[in-house]
């Protein structure tokens, strides 16, 4: 069944948590079994990011809400509750698509007050999740940013990034473009449990390779480092070996954090898949969202030893096309995600 043949749902005229005028239609298709797409007209796209967040950008852009990568640990899961969806299966299966993203962004970038701050894409949900292949929201977004002289960064697990490499190379001729891939393990079986809807580790290594061959300086976010499952010296050494061979230039790491409803969703999976670890997690996290300071320090020291051995640079975030950091290391955990481990 073709997407163009899908009917507009009119039973109540609106999506929970969204105004009546926002929803264009609700779409299901055999290409995405069990997934519902809510096509909406957004009213704004540039989201301010507080300086106190420590992020290397002052604004973020998200073309989707919800993500079919279905990562068990995704820190963005609680944001789906603002739409009266749950943070578990609804986050994976009820995907909001901002059809007019590029048009709204172009309007916002034309404002006299716009000072061409760095914009981060992929900060909440992945802009290159599978549905991007159908909706093609990113090419006009990239063009809008570049034509306005706005530097930007992209963080993704999605292999669809390769489709836009020619456009990104053109953009990099006029603005600073930094590209990062999220990859925390090379164990395909474990990745299939933790990131069931995302491209495999091998596929993501090929994204890194393609970025390097296109003339970029690929940054890899080793995120999240999952305690007792992906954090051993041997596992990290194997990952860094593969990253260096693929052409990565720099890496940074973020230990798993479990804020809000993400905590319950992840711990339920852990109880089913690795029940012996539950007691250790309670000791590591207590009643909070972040790992203990001792654990962070041990992880940082482990990486501080391993990273230079592979000819990689330890960074706090994405790097630009010439390999230099976009913005310096943050000092405090941001509101949306914890600061990368420093090493």
C-alpha atoms as a PDB file:
ATOM      1  CA  UNK A   1       0.000   0.000   0.000  1.00  0.00           C
ATOM      2  CA  UNK A   2       1.417   3.342  -1.026  1.00  0.00           C
ATOM      3  CA  UNK A   3       1.828   6.111   1.544  1.00  0.00           C
ATOM      4  CA  UNK A   4      -0.037   8.540  -0.728  1.00  0.00           C
ATOM      5  CA  UNK A   5      -3.131   6.344  -0.502  1.00  0.00           C
ATOM      6  CA  UNK A   6      -3.413   6.536   3.261  1.00  0.00           C
ATOM      7  CA  UNK A   7      -6.525   8.191   4.617  1.00  0.00           C
ATOM      8  CA  UNK A   8      -6.676  11.140   6.982  1.00  0.00           C
ATOM      9  CA  UNK A   9      -7.997  10.134  10.391  1.00  0.00           C
ATOM     10  CA  UNK A  10     -10.803  12.462  11.462  1.00  0.00           C
ATOM     11  CA  UNK A  11     -12.301  10.705  14.448  1.00  0.00           C
ATOM     12  CA  UNK A  12     -11.390  13.464  16.894  1.00  0.00           C
ATOM     13  CA  UNK A  13      -9.399  15.879  14.733  1.00  0.00           C
ATOM     14  CA  UNK A  14      -6.355  16.025  16.921  1.00  0.00           C
ATOM     15  CA  UNK A  15      -3.459  14.198  18.481  1.00  0.00           C
ATOM     16  CA  UNK A  16      -3.213  13.867  22.270  1.00  0.00           C
ATOM     17  CA  UNK A  17      -1.065  16.691  23.563  1.00  0.00           C
ATOM     18  CA  UNK A  18      -1.235  18.636  20.304  1.00  0.00           C
ATOM     19  CA  UNK A  19      -3.661  21.326  19.190  1.00  0.00           C
ATOM     20  CA  UNK A  20      -6.440  20.422  16.773  1.00  0.00           C
ATOM     21  CA  UNK A  21      -4.862  22.404  13.935  1.00  0.00           C
ATOM     22  CA  UNK A  22      -1.491  20.646  14.239  1.00  0.00           C
ATOM     23  CA  UNK A  23      -2.471  17.189  13.012  1.00  0.00           C
ATOM     24  CA  UNK A  24      -2.617  16.700   9.249  1.00  0.00           C
ATOM     25  CA  UNK A  25      -3.208  12.951   9.151  1.00  0.00           C
ATOM     26  CA  UNK A  26      -2.367   9.673  10.825  1.00  0.00           C
ATOM     27  CA  UNK A  27      -0.623   7.089   8.666  1.00  0.00           C
ATOM     28  CA  UNK A  28       0.061   3.373   8.929  1.00  0.00           C
ATOM     29  CA  UNK A  29       1.835   1.304   6.291  1.00  0.00           C
ATOM     30  CA  UNK A  30       3.033  -2.296   5.882  1.00  0.00           C
ATOM     31  CA  UNK A  31       6.559  -0.924   5.453  1.00  0.00           C
ATOM     32  CA  UNK A  32       6.513  -0.089   9.183  1.00  0.00           C
ATOM     33  CA  UNK A  33       4.437  -2.820  10.768  1.00  0.00           C
ATOM     34  CA  UNK A  34       3.049  -1.761  14.120  1.00  0.00           C
ATOM     35  CA  UNK A  35       4.153   1.867  13.720  1.00  0.00           C
ATOM     36  CA  UNK A  36       1.813   4.838  13.404  1.00  0.00           C
ATOM     37  CA  UNK A  37       2.989   8.145  11.965  1.00  0.00           C
ATOM     38  CA  UNK A  38       1.267  11.353  13.039  1.00  0.00           C
ATOM     39  CA  UNK A  39       1.980  13.999  10.410  1.00  0.00           C
ATOM     40  CA  UNK A  40       1.794  17.446  11.924  1.00  0.00           C
ATOM     41  CA  UNK A  41       2.419  21.073  11.060  1.00  0.00           C
ATOM     42  CA  UNK A  42       4.816  22.430  13.650  1.00  0.00           C
ATOM     43  CA  UNK A  43       4.731  26.064  14.782  1.00  0.00           C
ATOM     44  CA  UNK A  44       8.432  26.361  15.591  1.00  0.00           C
ATOM     45  CA  UNK A  45      11.521  24.230  15.062  1.00  0.00           C
ATOM     46  CA  UNK A  46      14.455  25.973  16.741  1.00  0.00           C
ATOM     47  CA  UNK A  47      14.554  24.914  20.388  1.00  0.00           C
ATOM     48  CA  UNK A  48      16.703  27.068  22.724  1.00  0.00           C
ATOM     49  CA  UNK A  49      19.278  25.124  24.732  1.00  0.00           C
ATOM     50  CA  UNK A  50      20.311  26.775  28.018  1.00  0.00           C
ATOM     51  CA  UNK A  51      23.975  27.723  28.372  1.00  0.00           C
ATOM     52  CA  UNK A  52      23.905  25.862  31.671  1.00  0.00           C
ATOM     53  CA  UNK A  53      23.227  22.637  29.777  1.00  0.00           C
ATOM     54  CA  UNK A  54      26.873  22.412  28.774  1.00  0.00           C
ATOM     55  CA  UNK A  55      25.951  21.384  25.241  1.00  0.00           C
ATOM     56  CA  UNK A  56      28.130  22.597  22.329  1.00  0.00           C
ATOM     57  CA  UNK A  57      25.171  24.340  20.682  1.00  0.00           C
ATOM     58  CA  UNK A  58      22.642  26.946  21.726  1.00  0.00           C
ATOM     59  CA  UNK A  59      19.727  25.613  19.686  1.00  0.00           C
ATOM     60  CA  UNK A  60      18.514  22.192  18.640  1.00  0.00           C
ATOM     61  CA  UNK A  61      16.266  20.928  15.851  1.00  0.00           C
ATOM     62  CA  UNK A  62      14.213  17.737  15.889  1.00  0.00           C
ATOM     63  CA  UNK A  63      12.292  16.751  12.773  1.00  0.00           C
ATOM     64  CA  UNK A  64      10.636  13.782  14.505  1.00  0.00           C
ATOM     65  CA  UNK A  65       9.294  12.981  17.956  1.00  0.00           C
ATOM     66  CA  UNK A  66       9.611   9.365  18.954  1.00  0.00           C
ATOM     67  CA  UNK A  67      12.046   6.996  17.268  1.00  0.00           C
ATOM     68  CA  UNK A  68      11.783   3.568  15.681  1.00  0.00           C
ATOM     69  CA  UNK A  69      15.347   2.759  16.721  1.00  0.00           C
ATOM     70  CA  UNK A  70      13.609   1.715  19.952  1.00  0.00           C
ATOM     71  CA  UNK A  71      16.775   1.989  22.068  1.00  0.00           C
ATOM     72  CA  UNK A  72      15.970   0.602  25.513  1.00  0.00           C
ATOM     73  CA  UNK A  73      17.925   3.341  27.260  1.00  0.00           C
ATOM     74  CA  UNK A  74      16.916   6.418  25.225  1.00  0.00           C
ATOM     75  CA  UNK A  75      16.989   9.477  27.494  1.00  0.00           C
ATOM     76  CA  UNK A  76      14.347  11.193  25.324  1.00  0.00           C
ATOM     77  CA  UNK A  77      11.609   8.710  26.179  1.00  0.00           C
ATOM     78  CA  UNK A  78       9.978  10.921  28.857  1.00  0.00           C
ATOM     79  CA  UNK A  79       9.384  13.675  26.271  1.00  0.00           C
ATOM     80  CA  UNK A  80       6.705  11.516  24.649  1.00  0.00           C
ATOM     81  CA  UNK A  81       4.624  11.862  27.769  1.00  0.00           C
ATOM     82  CA  UNK A  82       4.060  15.523  26.887  1.00  0.00           C
ATOM     83  CA  UNK A  83       1.916  14.209  24.016  1.00  0.00           C
ATOM     84  CA  UNK A  84      -0.073  11.935  26.336  1.00  0.00           C
ATOM     85  CA  UNK A  85       1.820   8.937  24.973  1.00  0.00           C
ATOM     86  CA  UNK A  86       3.737   6.524  27.149  1.00  0.00           C
ATOM     87  CA  UNK A  87       7.527   6.475  27.218  1.00  0.00           C
ATOM     88  CA  UNK A  88       7.751   2.786  26.371  1.00  0.00           C
ATOM     89  CA  UNK A  89       6.176   1.232  23.300  1.00  0.00           C
ATOM     90  CA  UNK A  90       4.478   4.479  22.248  1.00  0.00           C
ATOM     91  CA  UNK A  91       7.873   6.164  21.959  1.00  0.00           C
ATOM     92  CA  UNK A  92       8.955   3.399  19.571  1.00  0.00           C
ATOM     93  CA  UNK A  93       5.690   3.137  17.630  1.00  0.00           C
ATOM     94  CA  UNK A  94       3.860   6.499  17.722  1.00  0.00           C
ATOM     95  CA  UNK A  95       6.080   8.756  15.645  1.00  0.00           C
ATOM     96  CA  UNK A  96       5.341  12.437  15.135  1.00  0.00           C
ATOM     97  CA  UNK A  97       6.568  13.819  11.785  1.00  0.00           C
ATOM     98  CA  UNK A  98       6.972  17.573  11.347  1.00  0.00           C
ATOM     99  CA  UNK A  99       6.012  17.921   7.691  1.00  0.00           C
ATOM    100  CA  UNK A 100       6.717  21.641   7.436  1.00  0.00           C
ATOM    101  CA  UNK A 101      10.013  21.546   9.326  1.00  0.00           C
ATOM    102  CA  UNK A 102      12.126  23.178   6.622  1.00  0.00           C
ATOM    103  CA  UNK A 103       9.627  25.949   5.870  1.00  0.00           C
ATOM    104  CA  UNK A 104       9.314  26.873   9.549  1.00  0.00           C
ATOM    105  CA  UNK A 105      13.082  26.735   9.992  1.00  0.00           C
ATOM    106  CA  UNK A 106      13.725  29.039   7.014  1.00  0.00           C
ATOM    107  CA  UNK A 107      11.314  31.569   8.506  1.00  0.00           C
ATOM    108  CA  UNK A 108      13.021  31.417  11.896  1.00  0.00           C
ATOM    109  CA  UNK A 109      16.483  31.776  10.354  1.00  0.00           C
ATOM    110  CA  UNK A 110      15.409  34.952   8.533  1.00  0.00           C
ATOM    111  CA  UNK A 111      14.669  36.784  11.770  1.00  0.00           C
ATOM    112  CA  UNK A 112      16.856  39.812  12.418  1.00  0.00           C
ATOM    113  CA  UNK A 113      17.502  38.502  15.889  1.00  0.00           C
ATOM    114  CA  UNK A 114      19.031  35.270  14.587  1.00  0.00           C
ATOM    115  CA  UNK A 115      22.742  35.365  15.409  1.00  0.00           C
ATOM    116  CA  UNK A 116      23.805  32.164  13.624  1.00  0.00           C
ATOM    117  CA  UNK A 117      24.409  30.146  16.766  1.00  0.00           C
ATOM    118  CA  UNK A 118      25.409  26.510  16.373  1.00  0.00           C
ATOM    119  CA  UNK A 119      22.388  24.247  15.866  1.00  0.00           C
ATOM    120  CA  UNK A 120      22.425  20.607  16.959  1.00  0.00           C
ATOM    121  CA  UNK A 121      20.395  17.976  15.105  1.00  0.00           C
ATOM    122  CA  UNK A 122      19.773  14.527  16.533  1.00  0.00           C
ATOM    123  CA  UNK A 123      19.772  15.652  20.143  1.00  0.00           C
ATOM    124  CA  UNK A 124      16.404  14.188  21.094  1.00  0.00           C
ATOM    125  CA  UNK A 125      15.366  11.710  18.410  1.00  0.00           C
ATOM    126  CA  UNK A 126      17.374  10.512  15.431  1.00  0.00           C
ATOM    127  CA  UNK A 127      16.827  12.615  12.285  1.00  0.00           C
ATOM    128  CA  UNK A 128      17.981   9.675  10.149  1.00  0.00           C
ATOM    129  CA  UNK A 129      15.675   7.018  11.540  1.00  0.00           C
ATOM    130  CA  UNK A 130      14.117   4.842   8.838  1.00  0.00           C
ATOM    131  CA  UNK A 131      11.135   7.115   8.173  1.00  0.00           C
ATOM    132  CA  UNK A 132      13.491   9.840   6.910  1.00  0.00           C
ATOM    133  CA  UNK A 133      13.848   7.723   3.780  1.00  0.00           C
ATOM    134  CA  UNK A 134      10.192   8.393   3.024  1.00  0.00           C
ATOM    135  CA  UNK A 135       9.729  11.918   4.347  1.00  0.00           C
ATOM    136  CA  UNK A 136      13.089  13.406   3.272  1.00  0.00           C
ATOM    137  CA  UNK A 137      12.937  16.179   5.861  1.00  0.00           C
ATOM    138  CA  UNK A 138      16.690  16.574   6.281  1.00  0.00           C
ATOM    139  CA  UNK A 139      17.869  17.801   2.836  1.00  0.00           C
ATOM    140  CA  UNK A 140      15.853  21.053   2.948  1.00  0.00           C
ATOM    141  CA  UNK A 141      16.739  21.514   6.631  1.00  0.00           C
ATOM    142  CA  UNK A 142      20.447  21.205   5.808  1.00  0.00           C
ATOM    143  CA  UNK A 143      20.061  23.608   2.887  1.00  0.00           C
ATOM    144  CA  UNK A 144      18.226  26.137   5.057  1.00  0.00           C
ATOM    145  CA  UNK A 145      20.949  26.106   7.692  1.00  0.00           C
ATOM    146  CA  UNK A 146      23.784  26.383   5.177  1.00  0.00           C
ATOM    147  CA  UNK A 147      22.176  29.134   3.113  1.00  0.00           C
ATOM    148  CA  UNK A 148      21.596  31.210   6.259  1.00  0.00           C
ATOM    149  CA  UNK A 149      25.230  30.866   7.333  1.00  0.00           C
ATOM    150  CA  UNK A 150      24.306  28.777  10.395  1.00  0.00           C
ATOM    151  CA  UNK A 151      26.847  26.172  11.601  1.00  0.00           C
ATOM    152  CA  UNK A 152      25.388  22.859  12.678  1.00  0.00           C
ATOM    153  CA  UNK A 153      26.150  19.409  14.005  1.00  0.00           C
ATOM    154  CA  UNK A 154      24.426  16.077  13.416  1.00  0.00           C
ATOM    155  CA  UNK A 155      24.459  13.060  15.713  1.00  0.00           C
ATOM    156  CA  UNK A 156      22.945   9.853  14.350  1.00  0.00           C
ATOM    157  CA  UNK A 157      22.882   6.076  14.245  1.00  0.00           C
ATOM    158  CA  UNK A 158      21.106   6.119  10.902  1.00  0.00           C
ATOM    159  CA  UNK A 159      22.686   4.808   7.717  1.00  0.00           C
ATOM    160  CA  UNK A 160      20.535   7.267   5.753  1.00  0.00           C
ATOM    161  CA  UNK A 161      23.090   9.925   6.596  1.00  0.00           C
ATOM    162  CA  UNK A 162      25.130   8.600   3.673  1.00  0.00           C
ATOM    163  CA  UNK A 163      22.410   9.736   1.257  1.00  0.00           C
ATOM    164  CA  UNK A 164      23.018  13.361   2.191  1.00  0.00           C
ATOM    165  CA  UNK A 165      26.827  13.367   2.138  1.00  0.00           C
ATOM    166  CA  UNK A 166      27.068  15.312  -1.161  1.00  0.00           C
ATOM    167  CA  UNK A 167      24.753  17.985   0.246  1.00  0.00           C
ATOM    168  CA  UNK A 168      26.660  18.050   3.529  1.00  0.00           C
ATOM    169  CA  UNK A 169      29.941  18.505   1.676  1.00  0.00           C
ATOM    170  CA  UNK A 170      28.443  21.516  -0.097  1.00  0.00           C
ATOM    171  CA  UNK A 171      27.219  22.894   3.227  1.00  0.00           C
ATOM    172  CA  UNK A 172      30.681  22.420   4.757  1.00  0.00           C
ATOM    173  CA  UNK A 173      32.093  24.763   2.136  1.00  0.00           C
ATOM    174  CA  UNK A 174      30.165  27.668   3.666  1.00  0.00           C
ATOM    175  CA  UNK A 175      29.528  26.787   7.328  1.00  0.00           C
ATOM    176  CA  UNK A 176      31.069  24.615  10.020  1.00  0.00           C
ATOM    177  CA  UNK A 177      29.514  21.148   9.824  1.00  0.00           C
ATOM    178  CA  UNK A 178      30.310  18.485  12.413  1.00  0.00           C
ATOM    179  CA  UNK A 179      29.115  14.915  12.011  1.00  0.00           C
ATOM    180  CA  UNK A 180      28.991  12.302  14.748  1.00  0.00           C
ATOM    181  CA  UNK A 181      27.935   8.677  14.866  1.00  0.00           C
ATOM    182  CA  UNK A 182      26.623   7.045  18.023  1.00  0.00           C
ATOM    183  CA  UNK A 183      28.170   3.626  18.614  1.00  0.00           C
ATOM    184  CA  UNK A 184      28.955   2.053  21.976  1.00  0.00           C
ATOM    185  CA  UNK A 185      29.632  -1.606  21.145  1.00  0.00           C
ATOM    186  CA  UNK A 186      30.641  -3.950  18.342  1.00  0.00           C
ATOM    187  CA  UNK A 187      28.726  -6.945  19.706  1.00  0.00           C
ATOM    188  CA  UNK A 188      25.902  -7.288  17.197  1.00  0.00           C
ATOM    189  CA  UNK A 189      23.821  -9.605  19.377  1.00  0.00           C
ATOM    190  CA  UNK A 190      23.903  -7.252  22.342  1.00  0.00           C
ATOM    191  CA  UNK A 191      23.208  -4.260  20.107  1.00  0.00           C
ATOM    192  CA  UNK A 192      20.175  -6.096  18.773  1.00  0.00           C
ATOM    193  CA  UNK A 193      18.849  -6.307  22.314  1.00  0.00           C
ATOM    194  CA  UNK A 194      19.645  -2.733  23.327  1.00  0.00           C
ATOM    195  CA  UNK A 195      19.001  -0.955  19.989  1.00  0.00           C
ATOM    196  CA  UNK A 196      16.571  -3.337  18.257  1.00  0.00           C
ATOM    197  CA  UNK A 197      15.484  -0.905  15.536  1.00  0.00           C
ATOM    198  CA  UNK A 198      18.841   0.759  14.838  1.00  0.00           C
ATOM    199  CA  UNK A 199      21.425  -0.175  12.192  1.00  0.00           C
ATOM    200  CA  UNK A 200      23.882  -2.819  13.334  1.00  0.00           C
ATOM    201  CA  UNK A 201      27.310  -1.881  14.701  1.00  0.00           C
ATOM    202  CA  UNK A 202      28.863  -2.988  11.410  1.00  0.00           C
ATOM    203  CA  UNK A 203      26.515  -0.732   9.481  1.00  0.00           C
ATOM    204  CA  UNK A 204      27.412   2.197  11.721  1.00  0.00           C
ATOM    205  CA  UNK A 205      31.125   1.533  11.257  1.00  0.00           C
ATOM    206  CA  UNK A 206      30.470   1.837   7.535  1.00  0.00           C
ATOM    207  CA  UNK A 207      28.852   5.229   8.164  1.00  0.00           C
ATOM    208  CA  UNK A 208      32.052   6.331   9.916  1.00  0.00           C
ATOM    209  CA  UNK A 209      34.077   5.049   6.973  1.00  0.00           C
ATOM    210  CA  UNK A 210      31.860   6.894   4.487  1.00  0.00           C
ATOM    211  CA  UNK A 211      32.233  10.155   6.446  1.00  0.00           C
ATOM    212  CA  UNK A 212      36.013   9.836   6.418  1.00  0.00           C
ATOM    213  CA  UNK A 213      36.061   9.062   2.691  1.00  0.00           C
ATOM    214  CA  UNK A 214      33.867  12.121   2.069  1.00  0.00           C
ATOM    215  CA  UNK A 215      36.486  14.337   3.714  1.00  0.00           C
ATOM    216  CA  UNK A 216      34.900  14.788   7.131  1.00  0.00           C
ATOM    217  CA  UNK A 217      36.584  14.141  10.468  1.00  0.00           C
ATOM    218  CA  UNK A 218      34.166  11.643  12.034  1.00  0.00           C
ATOM    219  CA  UNK A 219      33.471  11.928  15.718  1.00  0.00           C
ATOM    220  CA  UNK A 220      32.008   8.940  17.547  1.00  0.00           C
ATOM    221  CA  UNK A 221      29.895   9.190  20.645  1.00  0.00           C
ATOM    222  CA  UNK A 222      30.458   6.036  22.670  1.00  0.00           C
ATOM    223  CA  UNK A 223      27.042   6.451  24.141  1.00  0.00           C
ATOM    224  CA  UNK A 224      25.759   5.184  26.288  1.00  0.00           C
ATOM    225  CA  UNK A 225      28.414   3.104  27.968  1.00  0.00           C
ATOM    226  CA  UNK A 226      26.215   0.481  29.630  1.00  0.00           C
ATOM    227  CA  UNK A 227      27.669  -0.579  32.988  1.00  0.00           C
ATOM    228  CA  UNK A 228      28.759  -4.217  33.188  1.00  0.00           C
ATOM    229  CA  UNK A 229      27.613  -4.901  29.622  1.00  0.00           C
ATOM    230  CA  UNK A 230      29.752  -2.699  27.338  1.00  0.00           C
ATOM    231  CA  UNK A 231      32.317  -1.097  29.642  1.00  0.00           C
ATOM    232  CA  UNK A 232      35.151  -3.595  30.095  1.00  0.00           C
ATOM    233  CA  UNK A 233      38.639  -2.679  28.947  1.00  0.00           C
ATOM    234  CA  UNK A 234      38.537  -5.498  26.396  1.00  0.00           C
ATOM    235  CA  UNK A 235      35.198  -4.352  24.954  1.00  0.00           C
ATOM    236  CA  UNK A 236      36.260  -0.720  24.729  1.00  0.00           C
ATOM    237  CA  UNK A 237      39.610  -1.686  23.222  1.00  0.00           C
ATOM    238  CA  UNK A 238      37.861  -3.740  20.535  1.00  0.00           C
ATOM    239  CA  UNK A 239      35.488  -0.878  19.771  1.00  0.00           C
ATOM    240  CA  UNK A 240      38.274   1.688  19.536  1.00  0.00           C
ATOM    241  CA  UNK A 241      40.247  -0.628  17.244  1.00  0.00           C
ATOM    242  CA  UNK A 242      37.297  -0.798  14.868  1.00  0.00           C
ATOM    243  CA  UNK A 243      36.646   2.939  15.051  1.00  0.00           C
ATOM    244  CA  UNK A 244      40.249   3.806  14.231  1.00  0.00           C
ATOM    245  CA  UNK A 245      40.250   1.369  11.312  1.00  0.00           C
ATOM    246  CA  UNK A 246      37.055   2.955   9.972  1.00  0.00           C
ATOM    247  CA  UNK A 247      38.579   6.435  10.022  1.00  0.00           C
ATOM    248  CA  UNK A 248      37.193   8.008  13.185  1.00  0.00           C
ATOM    249  CA  UNK A 249      39.189  11.005  14.380  1.00  0.00           C
ATOM    250  CA  UNK A 250      37.855  11.590  17.874  1.00  0.00           C
ATOM    251  CA  UNK A 251      35.614   9.985  20.463  1.00  0.00           C
ATOM    252  CA  UNK A 252      33.755  10.888  23.616  1.00  0.00           C
ATOM    253  CA  UNK A 253      31.805   8.745  26.045  1.00  0.00           C
ATOM    254  CA  UNK A 254      28.654   9.092  28.128  1.00  0.00           C
ATOM    255  CA  UNK A 255      27.762   6.547  30.816  1.00  0.00           C
ATOM    256  CA  UNK A 256      24.193   5.307  30.761  1.00  0.00           C
ATOM    257  CA  UNK A 257      21.806   7.580  32.614  1.00  0.00           C
ATOM    258  CA  UNK A 258      18.294   6.647  33.651  1.00  0.00           C
ATOM    259  CA  UNK A 259      16.135   9.697  34.188  1.00  0.00           C
ATOM    260  CA  UNK A 260      12.380   9.687  34.573  1.00  0.00           C
ATOM    261  CA  UNK A 261      10.391   6.912  32.939  1.00  0.00           C
ATOM    262  CA  UNK A 262      13.449   5.723  31.007  1.00  0.00           C
ATOM    263  CA  UNK A 263      14.650   4.174  34.255  1.00  0.00           C
ATOM    264  CA  UNK A 264      11.683   1.844  34.625  1.00  0.00           C
ATOM    265  CA  UNK A 265      11.651   0.915  30.930  1.00  0.00           C
ATOM    266  CA  UNK A 266      15.352   0.005  30.936  1.00  0.00           C
ATOM    267  CA  UNK A 267      15.366  -1.768  34.283  1.00  0.00           C
ATOM    268  CA  UNK A 268      12.426  -3.930  33.227  1.00  0.00           C
ATOM    269  CA  UNK A 269      14.443  -5.039  30.205  1.00  0.00           C
ATOM    270  CA  UNK A 270      17.467  -5.624  32.440  1.00  0.00           C
ATOM    271  CA  UNK A 271      15.373  -7.736  34.812  1.00  0.00           C
ATOM    272  CA  UNK A 272      14.254  -9.901  31.903  1.00  0.00           C
ATOM    273  CA  UNK A 273      17.563 -10.137  30.047  1.00  0.00           C
ATOM    274  CA  UNK A 274      20.199  -9.833  32.800  1.00  0.00           C
ATOM    275  CA  UNK A 275      18.518 -10.270  36.194  1.00  0.00           C
ATOM    276  CA  UNK A 276      21.827 -10.871  37.956  1.00  0.00           C
ATOM    277  CA  UNK A 277      22.795  -7.246  37.275  1.00  0.00           C
ATOM    278  CA  UNK A 278      19.831  -5.625  39.011  1.00  0.00           C
ATOM    279  CA  UNK A 279      21.449  -5.530  42.433  1.00  0.00           C
ATOM    280  CA  UNK A 280      24.638  -4.016  40.988  1.00  0.00           C
ATOM    281  CA  UNK A 281      22.605  -1.333  39.209  1.00  0.00           C
ATOM    282  CA  UNK A 282      20.817  -0.409  42.406  1.00  0.00           C
ATOM    283  CA  UNK A 283      24.177   0.059  44.052  1.00  0.00           C
ATOM    284  CA  UNK A 284      25.556   2.042  41.117  1.00  0.00           C
ATOM    285  CA  UNK A 285      22.588   4.384  40.613  1.00  0.00           C
ATOM    286  CA  UNK A 286      20.873   4.370  43.999  1.00  0.00           C
ATOM    287  CA  UNK A 287      17.687   6.408  43.610  1.00  0.00           C
ATOM    288  CA  UNK A 288      19.240   8.802  41.098  1.00  0.00           C
ATOM    289  CA  UNK A 289      19.586   8.985  37.336  1.00  0.00           C
ATOM    290  CA  UNK A 290      23.373   9.017  37.031  1.00  0.00           C
ATOM    291  CA  UNK A 291      26.173   6.611  37.808  1.00  0.00           C
ATOM    292  CA  UNK A 292      28.301   7.190  40.868  1.00  0.00           C
ATOM    293  CA  UNK A 293      31.250   9.559  40.702  1.00  0.00           C
ATOM    294  CA  UNK A 294      33.613   6.654  41.342  1.00  0.00           C
ATOM    295  CA  UNK A 295      32.293   4.791  38.319  1.00  0.00           C
ATOM    296  CA  UNK A 296      32.636   7.864  36.085  1.00  0.00           C
ATOM    297  CA  UNK A 297      36.205   8.358  37.211  1.00  0.00           C
ATOM    298  CA  UNK A 298      37.089   4.712  36.572  1.00  0.00           C
ATOM    299  CA  UNK A 299      35.563   4.850  33.105  1.00  0.00           C
ATOM    300  CA  UNK A 300      37.367   8.093  32.297  1.00  0.00           C
ATOM    301  CA  UNK A 301      40.691   6.645  33.392  1.00  0.00           C
ATOM    302  CA  UNK A 302      40.118   3.508  31.336  1.00  0.00           C
ATOM    303  CA  UNK A 303      39.416   5.568  28.238  1.00  0.00           C
ATOM    304  CA  UNK A 304      42.249   7.974  28.960  1.00  0.00           C
ATOM    305  CA  UNK A 305      44.597   5.004  28.655  1.00  0.00           C
ATOM    306  CA  UNK A 306      42.953   3.348  25.651  1.00  0.00           C
ATOM    307  CA  UNK A 307      42.033   6.232  23.346  1.00  0.00           C
ATOM    308  CA  UNK A 308      45.551   7.541  22.544  1.00  0.00           C
ATOM    309  CA  UNK A 309      46.736   3.986  21.968  1.00  0.00           C
ATOM    310  CA  UNK A 310      44.529   3.893  18.873  1.00  0.00           C
ATOM    311  CA  UNK A 311      45.559   7.281  17.537  1.00  0.00           C
ATOM    312  CA  UNK A 312      42.239   8.842  18.442  1.00  0.00           C
ATOM    313  CA  UNK A 313      41.553  12.134  20.196  1.00  0.00           C
ATOM    314  CA  UNK A 314      39.376  12.303  23.273  1.00  0.00           C
ATOM    315  CA  UNK A 315      36.866  15.123  22.822  1.00  0.00           C
ATOM    316  CA  UNK A 316      33.833  16.387  24.687  1.00  0.00           C
ATOM    317  CA  UNK A 317      31.648  16.527  21.624  1.00  0.00           C
ATOM    318  CA  UNK A 318      31.456  16.650  17.819  1.00  0.00           C
ATOM    319  CA  UNK A 319      34.355  18.021  15.799  1.00  0.00           C
ATOM    320  CA  UNK A 320      34.338  20.194  12.718  1.00  0.00           C
ATOM    321  CA  UNK A 321      35.369  19.186   9.226  1.00  0.00           C
ATOM    322  CA  UNK A 322      39.004  20.033   9.928  1.00  0.00           C
ATOM    323  CA  UNK A 323      39.055  17.941  13.108  1.00  0.00           C
ATOM    324  CA  UNK A 324      38.931  20.738  15.678  1.00  0.00           C
ATOM    325  CA  UNK A 325      36.361  20.816  18.492  1.00  0.00           C
ATOM    326  CA  UNK A 326      33.361  23.043  17.850  1.00  0.00           C
ATOM    327  CA  UNK A 327      33.052  24.215  21.450  1.00  0.00           C
ATOM    328  CA  UNK A 328      35.144  23.492  24.520  1.00  0.00           C
ATOM    329  CA  UNK A 329      34.501  20.828  27.118  1.00  0.00           C
ATOM    330  CA  UNK A 330      31.417  21.343  29.309  1.00  0.00           C
ATOM    331  CA  UNK A 331      31.923  21.516  33.028  1.00  0.00           C
ATOM    332  CA  UNK A 332      28.453  20.643  34.286  1.00  0.00           C
ATOM    333  CA  UNK A 333      25.824  18.034  33.415  1.00  0.00           C
ATOM    334  CA  UNK A 334      23.286  19.612  31.029  1.00  0.00           C
ATOM    335  CA  UNK A 335      19.559  19.510  31.462  1.00  0.00           C
ATOM    336  CA  UNK A 336      18.931  17.147  28.527  1.00  0.00           C
ATOM    337  CA  UNK A 337      21.823  14.699  28.822  1.00  0.00           C
ATOM    338  CA  UNK A 338      24.923  14.327  30.994  1.00  0.00           C
ATOM    339  CA  UNK A 339      28.206  15.841  29.967  1.00  0.00           C
ATOM    340  CA  UNK A 340      30.529  13.451  28.137  1.00  0.00           C
ATOM    341  CA  UNK A 341      33.123  11.655  30.194  1.00  0.00           C
ATOM    342  CA  UNK A 342      36.312  13.683  30.122  1.00  0.00           C
ATOM    343  CA  UNK A 343      39.547  11.891  29.275  1.00  0.00           C
END
